[in-house]
Amino acid sequence: MDPKKADIIRLEALPQDLLGGIVAKVGATTAEDFHNCILVCKELGASANDKHVFKTLNLALLVKKPLSGTQTPSYYENMS
């Protein structure tokens, strides 16, 4: 097969489930990689809206203080 005459498959031509798998694998590493991946093209961004992708996302670096949202500061308790 001559590499100069090989057909080039565009990313947009791939099925949505395959694109979703790519986004899920990239998103499982870091949130920054996920963000960069969905910015590459519209099809990757559209395939990110999938339950399978959301289940595999690694958002650990985005949550620095997971309990800070559930703790009420003492000055709010004294306002009533």
PDB file of N, CA and C in Angstrom:
ATOM      1  N   MET A   1       0.838  -1.179   0.000  1.00  0.00           N
ATOM      2  CA  MET A   1       0.000   0.000   0.000  1.00  0.00           C
ATOM      3  C   MET A   1       0.886   1.247   0.000  1.00  0.00           C
ATOM      4  N   ASP A   2       0.623   2.100  -0.925  1.00  0.00           N
ATOM      5  CA  ASP A   2       1.401   3.326  -1.059  1.00  0.00           C
ATOM      6  C   ASP A   2       0.896   4.358  -0.045  1.00  0.00           C
ATOM      7  N   PRO A   3       1.736   4.832   0.881  1.00  0.00           N
ATOM      8  CA  PRO A   3       1.271   5.791   1.878  1.00  0.00           C
ATOM      9  C   PRO A   3       0.834   7.123   1.279  1.00  0.00           C
ATOM     10  N   LYS A   4       1.339   7.461   0.118  1.00  0.00           N
ATOM     11  CA  LYS A   4       0.945   8.723  -0.500  1.00  0.00           C
ATOM     12  C   LYS A   4      -0.468   8.662  -1.050  1.00  0.00           C
ATOM     13  N   LYS A   5      -0.943   7.466  -1.355  1.00  0.00           N
ATOM     14  CA  LYS A   5      -2.277   7.315  -1.922  1.00  0.00           C
ATOM     15  C   LYS A   5      -3.283   6.763  -0.908  1.00  0.00           C
ATOM     16  N   ALA A   6      -2.894   6.644   0.338  1.00  0.00           N
ATOM     17  CA  ALA A   6      -3.783   6.096   1.364  1.00  0.00           C
ATOM     18  C   ALA A   6      -4.934   7.065   1.624  1.00  0.00           C
ATOM     19  N   ASP A   7      -6.096   6.488   1.840  1.00  0.00           N
ATOM     20  CA  ASP A   7      -7.255   7.311   2.174  1.00  0.00           C
ATOM     21  C   ASP A   7      -7.112   7.830   3.601  1.00  0.00           C
ATOM     22  N   ILE A   8      -7.412   9.080   3.769  1.00  0.00           N
ATOM     23  CA  ILE A   8      -7.354   9.692   5.089  1.00  0.00           C
ATOM     24  C   ILE A   8      -8.769   9.703   5.654  1.00  0.00           C
ATOM     25  N   ILE A   9      -8.922   9.103   6.824  1.00  0.00           N
ATOM     26  CA  ILE A   9     -10.226   9.106   7.479  1.00  0.00           C
ATOM     27  C   ILE A   9     -10.264  10.308   8.410  1.00  0.00           C
ATOM     28  N   ARG A  10     -11.229  11.144   8.184  1.00  0.00           N
ATOM     29  CA  ARG A  10     -11.370  12.334   9.008  1.00  0.00           C
ATOM     30  C   ARG A  10     -12.003  11.960  10.346  1.00  0.00           C
ATOM     31  N   LEU A  11     -11.690  12.725  11.350  1.00  0.00           N
ATOM     32  CA  LEU A  11     -12.232  12.486  12.678  1.00  0.00           C
ATOM     33  C   LEU A  11     -13.753  12.598  12.675  1.00  0.00           C
ATOM     34  N   GLU A  12     -14.265  13.482  11.852  1.00  0.00           N
ATOM     35  CA  GLU A  12     -15.702  13.690  11.771  1.00  0.00           C
ATOM     36  C   GLU A  12     -16.432  12.491  11.175  1.00  0.00           C
ATOM     37  N   ALA A  13     -15.716  11.633  10.452  1.00  0.00           N
ATOM     38  CA  ALA A  13     -16.335  10.487   9.797  1.00  0.00           C
ATOM     39  C   ALA A  13     -16.483   9.285  10.729  1.00  0.00           C
ATOM     40  N   LEU A  14     -15.858   9.325  11.898  1.00  0.00           N
ATOM     41  CA  LEU A  14     -15.936   8.205  12.828  1.00  0.00           C
ATOM     42  C   LEU A  14     -17.299   8.176  13.523  1.00  0.00           C
ATOM     43  N   PRO A  15     -17.781   7.000  13.914  1.00  0.00           N
ATOM     44  CA  PRO A  15     -19.071   6.902  14.614  1.00  0.00           C
ATOM     45  C   PRO A  15     -19.021   7.581  15.986  1.00  0.00           C
ATOM     46  N   GLN A  16     -20.180   8.058  16.442  1.00  0.00           N
ATOM     47  CA  GLN A  16     -20.249   8.778  17.715  1.00  0.00           C
ATOM     48  C   GLN A  16     -19.840   7.913  18.901  1.00  0.00           C
ATOM     49  N   ASP A  17     -20.173   6.616  18.876  1.00  0.00           N
ATOM     50  CA  ASP A  17     -19.795   5.773  20.008  1.00  0.00           C
ATOM     51  C   ASP A  17     -18.278   5.590  20.097  1.00  0.00           C
ATOM     52  N   LEU A  18     -17.604   5.566  18.969  1.00  0.00           N
ATOM     53  CA  LEU A  18     -16.143   5.479  18.972  1.00  0.00           C
ATOM     54  C   LEU A  18     -15.529   6.786  19.474  1.00  0.00           C
ATOM     55  N   LEU A  19     -16.087   7.910  19.050  1.00  0.00           N
ATOM     56  CA  LEU A  19     -15.608   9.202  19.536  1.00  0.00           C
ATOM     57  C   LEU A  19     -15.851   9.334  21.037  1.00  0.00           C
ATOM     58  N   GLY A  20     -17.006   8.838  21.495  1.00  0.00           N
ATOM     59  CA  GLY A  20     -17.291   8.853  22.930  1.00  0.00           C
ATOM     60  C   GLY A  20     -16.295   8.018  23.711  1.00  0.00           C
ATOM     61  N   GLY A  21     -15.885   6.888  23.147  1.00  0.00           N
ATOM     62  CA  GLY A  21     -14.873   6.056  23.795  1.00  0.00           C
ATOM     63  C   GLY A  21     -13.533   6.760  23.889  1.00  0.00           C
ATOM     64  N   ILE A  22     -13.185   7.491  22.854  1.00  0.00           N
ATOM     65  CA  ILE A  22     -11.930   8.255  22.860  1.00  0.00           C
ATOM     66  C   ILE A  22     -11.973   9.331  23.942  1.00  0.00           C
ATOM     67  N   VAL A  23     -13.083  10.057  23.998  1.00  0.00           N
ATOM     68  CA  VAL A  23     -13.223  11.120  24.997  1.00  0.00           C
ATOM     69  C   VAL A  23     -13.225  10.532  26.407  1.00  0.00           C
ATOM     70  N   ALA A  24     -13.860   9.377  26.579  1.00  0.00           N
ATOM     71  CA  ALA A  24     -13.896   8.734  27.897  1.00  0.00           C
ATOM     72  C   ALA A  24     -12.506   8.313  28.345  1.00  0.00           C
ATOM     73  N   LYS A  25     -11.710   7.762  27.443  1.00  0.00           N
ATOM     74  CA  LYS A  25     -10.345   7.348  27.795  1.00  0.00           C
ATOM     75  C   LYS A  25      -9.473   8.547  28.144  1.00  0.00           C
ATOM     76  N   VAL A  26      -9.611   9.616  27.384  1.00  0.00           N
ATOM     77  CA  VAL A  26      -8.815  10.816  27.658  1.00  0.00           C
ATOM     78  C   VAL A  26      -9.281  11.468  28.956  1.00  0.00           C
ATOM     79  N   GLY A  27     -10.593  11.516  29.174  1.00  0.00           N
ATOM     80  CA  GLY A  27     -11.133  12.134  30.381  1.00  0.00           C
ATOM     81  C   GLY A  27     -10.848  11.358  31.645  1.00  0.00           C
ATOM     82  N   ALA A  28     -10.503  10.086  31.515  1.00  0.00           N
ATOM     83  CA  ALA A  28     -10.197   9.273  32.692  1.00  0.00           C
ATOM     84  C   ALA A  28      -8.842   9.633  33.288  1.00  0.00           C
ATOM     85  N   THR A  29      -8.006  10.332  32.545  1.00  0.00           N
ATOM     86  CA  THR A  29      -6.687  10.693  33.067  1.00  0.00           C
ATOM     87  C   THR A  29      -6.770  11.964  33.903  1.00  0.00           C
ATOM     88  N   THR A  30      -7.072  13.091  33.281  1.00  0.00           N
ATOM     89  CA  THR A  30      -7.209  14.350  34.025  1.00  0.00           C
ATOM     90  C   THR A  30      -8.314  15.187  33.409  1.00  0.00           C
ATOM     91  N   ALA A  31      -8.841  16.104  34.199  1.00  0.00           N
ATOM     92  CA  ALA A  31      -9.882  17.002  33.713  1.00  0.00           C
ATOM     93  C   ALA A  31      -9.328  17.968  32.668  1.00  0.00           C
ATOM     94  N   GLU A  32      -8.066  18.332  32.806  1.00  0.00           N
ATOM     95  CA  GLU A  32      -7.447  19.235  31.831  1.00  0.00           C
ATOM     96  C   GLU A  32      -7.348  18.570  30.457  1.00  0.00           C
ATOM     97  N   ASP A  33      -6.981  17.295  30.440  1.00  0.00           N
ATOM     98  CA  ASP A  33      -6.923  16.565  29.173  1.00  0.00           C
ATOM     99  C   ASP A  33      -8.309  16.439  28.550  1.00  0.00           C
ATOM    100  N   PHE A  34      -9.323  16.206  29.385  1.00  0.00           N
ATOM    101  CA  PHE A  34     -10.699  16.129  28.896  1.00  0.00           C
ATOM    102  C   PHE A  34     -11.109  17.450  28.259  1.00  0.00           C
ATOM    103  N   HIS A  35     -10.803  18.534  28.922  1.00  0.00           N
ATOM    104  CA  HIS A  35     -11.161  19.856  28.407  1.00  0.00           C
ATOM    105  C   HIS A  35     -10.480  20.124  27.070  1.00  0.00           C
ATOM    106  N   ASN A  36      -9.213  19.813  26.976  1.00  0.00           N
ATOM    107  CA  ASN A  36      -8.486  20.010  25.719  1.00  0.00           C
ATOM    108  C   ASN A  36      -9.017  19.107  24.615  1.00  0.00           C
ATOM    109  N   CYS A  37      -9.428  17.902  24.973  1.00  0.00           N
ATOM    110  CA  CYS A  37      -9.944  16.950  23.986  1.00  0.00           C
ATOM    111  C   CYS A  37     -11.247  17.443  23.364  1.00  0.00           C
ATOM    112  N   ILE A  38     -12.156  17.969  24.192  1.00  0.00           N
ATOM    113  CA  ILE A  38     -13.441  18.398  23.637  1.00  0.00           C
ATOM    114  C   ILE A  38     -13.327  19.704  22.867  1.00  0.00           C
ATOM    115  N   LEU A  39     -12.209  20.404  23.025  1.00  0.00           N
ATOM    116  CA  LEU A  39     -11.990  21.624  22.253  1.00  0.00           C
ATOM    117  C   LEU A  39     -11.405  21.354  20.872  1.00  0.00           C
ATOM    118  N   VAL A  40     -10.964  20.124  20.617  1.00  0.00           N
ATOM    119  CA  VAL A  40     -10.315  19.789  19.351  1.00  0.00           C
ATOM    120  C   VAL A  40     -11.269  19.949  18.179  1.00  0.00           C
ATOM    121  N   CYS A  41     -12.460  19.391  18.284  1.00  0.00           N
ATOM    122  CA  CYS A  41     -13.437  19.535  17.203  1.00  0.00           C
ATOM    123  C   CYS A  41     -14.849  19.415  17.761  1.00  0.00           C
ATOM    124  N   LYS A  42     -15.827  19.826  16.971  1.00  0.00           N
ATOM    125  CA  LYS A  42     -17.222  19.813  17.403  1.00  0.00           C
ATOM    126  C   LYS A  42     -17.717  18.408  17.710  1.00  0.00           C
ATOM    127  N   GLU A  43     -17.286  17.433  16.936  1.00  0.00           N
ATOM    128  CA  GLU A  43     -17.761  16.067  17.119  1.00  0.00           C
ATOM    129  C   GLU A  43     -17.285  15.479  18.445  1.00  0.00           C
ATOM    130  N   LEU A  44     -16.057  15.774  18.834  1.00  0.00           N
ATOM    131  CA  LEU A  44     -15.578  15.300  20.132  1.00  0.00           C
ATOM    132  C   LEU A  44     -16.315  16.001  21.266  1.00  0.00           C
ATOM    133  N   GLY A  45     -16.600  17.271  21.088  1.00  0.00           N
ATOM    134  CA  GLY A  45     -17.366  17.991  22.098  1.00  0.00           C
ATOM    135  C   GLY A  45     -18.780  17.467  22.223  1.00  0.00           C
ATOM    136  N   ALA A  46     -19.400  17.122  21.093  1.00  0.00           N
ATOM    137  CA  ALA A  46     -20.759  16.578  21.119  1.00  0.00           C
ATOM    138  C   ALA A  46     -20.788  15.184  21.716  1.00  0.00           C
ATOM    139  N   SER A  47     -19.760  14.401  21.485  1.00  0.00           N
ATOM    140  CA  SER A  47     -19.733  13.043  22.026  1.00  0.00           C
ATOM    141  C   SER A  47     -19.426  13.036  23.517  1.00  0.00           C
ATOM    142  N   ALA A  48     -19.017  14.158  24.068  1.00  0.00           N
ATOM    143  CA  ALA A  48     -18.746  14.231  25.503  1.00  0.00           C
ATOM    144  C   ALA A  48     -20.029  14.198  26.318  1.00  0.00           C
ATOM    145  N   ASN A  49     -21.165  14.502  25.715  1.00  0.00           N
ATOM    146  CA  ASN A  49     -22.447  14.463  26.411  1.00  0.00           C
ATOM    147  C   ASN A  49     -23.012  13.054  26.384  1.00  0.00           C
ATOM    148  N   ASP A  50     -22.339  12.146  27.046  1.00  0.00           N
ATOM    149  CA  ASP A  50     -22.729  10.741  27.062  1.00  0.00           C
ATOM    150  C   ASP A  50     -22.553  10.210  28.482  1.00  0.00           C
ATOM    151  N   LYS A  51     -23.471   9.342  28.915  1.00  0.00           N
ATOM    152  CA  LYS A  51     -23.393   8.788  30.270  1.00  0.00           C
ATOM    153  C   LYS A  51     -22.096   8.019  30.487  1.00  0.00           C
ATOM    154  N   HIS A  52     -21.665   7.294  29.478  1.00  0.00           N
ATOM    155  CA  HIS A  52     -20.429   6.511  29.598  1.00  0.00           C
ATOM    156  C   HIS A  52     -19.225   7.427  29.827  1.00  0.00           C
ATOM    157  N   VAL A  53     -19.229   8.558  29.167  1.00  0.00           N
ATOM    158  CA  VAL A  53     -18.121   9.512  29.326  1.00  0.00           C
ATOM    159  C   VAL A  53     -18.155  10.120  30.725  1.00  0.00           C
ATOM    160  N   PHE A  54     -19.340  10.507  31.196  1.00  0.00           N
ATOM    161  CA  PHE A  54     -19.447  11.126  32.515  1.00  0.00           C
ATOM    162  C   PHE A  54     -19.051  10.168  33.633  1.00  0.00           C
ATOM    163  N   LYS A  55     -19.306   8.875  33.444  1.00  0.00           N
ATOM    164  CA  LYS A  55     -18.958   7.893  34.474  1.00  0.00           C
ATOM    165  C   LYS A  55     -17.453   7.719  34.618  1.00  0.00           C
ATOM    166  N   THR A  56     -16.709   7.975  33.569  1.00  0.00           N
ATOM    167  CA  THR A  56     -15.266   7.723  33.601  1.00  0.00           C
ATOM    168  C   THR A  56     -14.425   8.969  33.842  1.00  0.00           C
ATOM    169  N   LEU A  57     -15.036  10.140  33.939  1.00  0.00           N
ATOM    170  CA  LEU A  57     -14.255  11.365  34.121  1.00  0.00           C
ATOM    171  C   LEU A  57     -13.523  11.368  35.456  1.00  0.00           C
ATOM    172  N   ASN A  58     -12.322  11.858  35.445  1.00  0.00           N
ATOM    173  CA  ASN A  58     -11.524  12.011  36.651  1.00  0.00           C
ATOM    174  C   ASN A  58     -11.526  13.488  37.015  1.00  0.00           C
ATOM    175  N   LEU A  59     -12.354  13.852  37.977  1.00  0.00           N
ATOM    176  CA  LEU A  59     -12.474  15.251  38.381  1.00  0.00           C
ATOM    177  C   LEU A  59     -11.785  15.516  39.710  1.00  0.00           C
ATOM    178  N   ALA A  60     -10.874  14.647  40.102  1.00  0.00           N
ATOM    179  CA  ALA A  60     -10.227  14.752  41.409  1.00  0.00           C
ATOM    180  C   ALA A  60      -9.484  16.074  41.583  1.00  0.00           C
ATOM    181  N   LEU A  61      -8.838  16.560  40.565  1.00  0.00           N
ATOM    182  CA  LEU A  61      -8.079  17.803  40.707  1.00  0.00           C
ATOM    183  C   LEU A  61      -8.976  19.029  40.788  1.00  0.00           C
ATOM    184  N   LEU A  62     -10.223  18.913  40.345  1.00  0.00           N
ATOM    185  CA  LEU A  62     -11.135  20.049  40.420  1.00  0.00           C
ATOM    186  C   LEU A  62     -11.721  20.217  41.815  1.00  0.00           C
ATOM    187  N   VAL A  63     -11.714  19.152  42.586  1.00  0.00           N
ATOM    188  CA  VAL A  63     -12.273  19.183  43.932  1.00  0.00           C
ATOM    189  C   VAL A  63     -11.115  19.244  44.920  1.00  0.00           C
ATOM    190  N   LYS A  64     -10.793  20.443  45.346  1.00  0.00           N
ATOM    191  CA  LYS A  64      -9.657  20.595  46.258  1.00  0.00           C
ATOM    192  C   LYS A  64     -10.088  20.459  47.714  1.00  0.00           C
ATOM    193  N   LYS A  65     -11.285  20.955  48.040  1.00  0.00           N
ATOM    194  CA  LYS A  65     -11.810  20.848  49.399  1.00  0.00           C
ATOM    195  C   LYS A  65     -13.233  20.291  49.307  1.00  0.00           C
ATOM    196  N   PRO A  66     -13.393  18.985  49.282  1.00  0.00           N
ATOM    197  CA  PRO A  66     -14.717  18.420  49.059  1.00  0.00           C
ATOM    198  C   PRO A  66     -15.709  18.682  50.177  1.00  0.00           C
ATOM    199  N   LEU A  67     -15.266  18.892  51.397  1.00  0.00           N
ATOM    200  CA  LEU A  67     -16.192  19.105  52.504  1.00  0.00           C
ATOM    201  C   LEU A  67     -16.469  20.573  52.780  1.00  0.00           C
ATOM    202  N   SER A  68     -15.830  21.481  52.089  1.00  0.00           N
ATOM    203  CA  SER A  68     -16.003  22.899  52.388  1.00  0.00           C
ATOM    204  C   SER A  68     -17.400  23.396  52.039  1.00  0.00           C
ATOM    205  N   GLY A  69     -18.077  22.779  51.114  1.00  0.00           N
ATOM    206  CA  GLY A  69     -19.422  23.201  50.748  1.00  0.00           C
ATOM    207  C   GLY A  69     -20.482  22.754  51.728  1.00  0.00           C
ATOM    208  N   THR A  70     -20.198  21.761  52.560  1.00  0.00           N
ATOM    209  CA  THR A  70     -21.196  21.249  53.496  1.00  0.00           C
ATOM    210  C   THR A  70     -21.053  21.841  54.882  1.00  0.00           C
ATOM    211  N   GLN A  71     -19.970  22.522  55.165  1.00  0.00           N
ATOM    212  CA  GLN A  71     -19.762  23.103  56.486  1.00  0.00           C
ATOM    213  C   GLN A  71     -20.280  24.532  56.500  1.00  0.00           C
ATOM    214  N   THR A  72     -21.106  24.841  57.504  1.00  0.00           N
ATOM    215  CA  THR A  72     -21.687  26.167  57.616  1.00  0.00           C
ATOM    216  C   THR A  72     -20.815  27.023  58.524  1.00  0.00           C
ATOM    217  N   PRO A  73     -20.416  28.200  58.057  1.00  0.00           N
ATOM    218  CA  PRO A  73     -19.637  29.084  58.925  1.00  0.00           C
ATOM    219  C   PRO A  73     -20.470  29.527  60.127  1.00  0.00           C
ATOM    220  N   SER A  74     -19.819  29.783  61.241  1.00  0.00           N
ATOM    221  CA  SER A  74     -20.520  30.120  62.482  1.00  0.00           C
ATOM    222  C   SER A  74     -21.267  31.450  62.379  1.00  0.00           C
ATOM    223  N   TYR A  75     -20.841  32.382  61.580  1.00  0.00           N
ATOM    224  CA  TYR A  75     -21.525  33.666  61.489  1.00  0.00           C
ATOM    225  C   TYR A  75     -22.884  33.544  60.810  1.00  0.00           C
ATOM    226  N   TYR A  76     -23.120  32.512  60.011  1.00  0.00           N
ATOM    227  CA  TYR A  76     -24.444  32.291  59.445  1.00  0.00           C
ATOM    228  C   TYR A  76     -25.413  31.778  60.505  1.00  0.00           C
ATOM    229  N   GLU A  77     -24.913  31.034  61.479  1.00  0.00           N
ATOM    230  CA  GLU A  77     -25.770  30.491  62.523  1.00  0.00           C
ATOM    231  C   GLU A  77     -26.255  31.593  63.460  1.00  0.00           C
ATOM    232  N   ASN A  78     -25.506  32.644  63.629  1.00  0.00           N
ATOM    233  CA  ASN A  78     -25.866  33.728  64.542  1.00  0.00           C
ATOM    234  C   ASN A  78     -26.808  34.745  63.915  1.00  0.00           C
ATOM    235  N   MET A  79     -27.134  34.632  62.642  1.00  0.00           N
ATOM    236  CA  MET A  79     -27.968  35.623  61.960  1.00  0.00           C
ATOM    237  C   MET A  79     -29.448  35.448  62.262  1.00  0.00           C
ATOM    238  N   SER A  80     -29.899  34.323  62.754  1.00  0.00           N
ATOM    239  CA  SER A  80     -31.337  34.121  62.968  1.00  0.00           C
ATOM    240  C   SER A  80     -31.839  34.673  64.263  1.00  0.00           C
TER     241      SER A  80
END
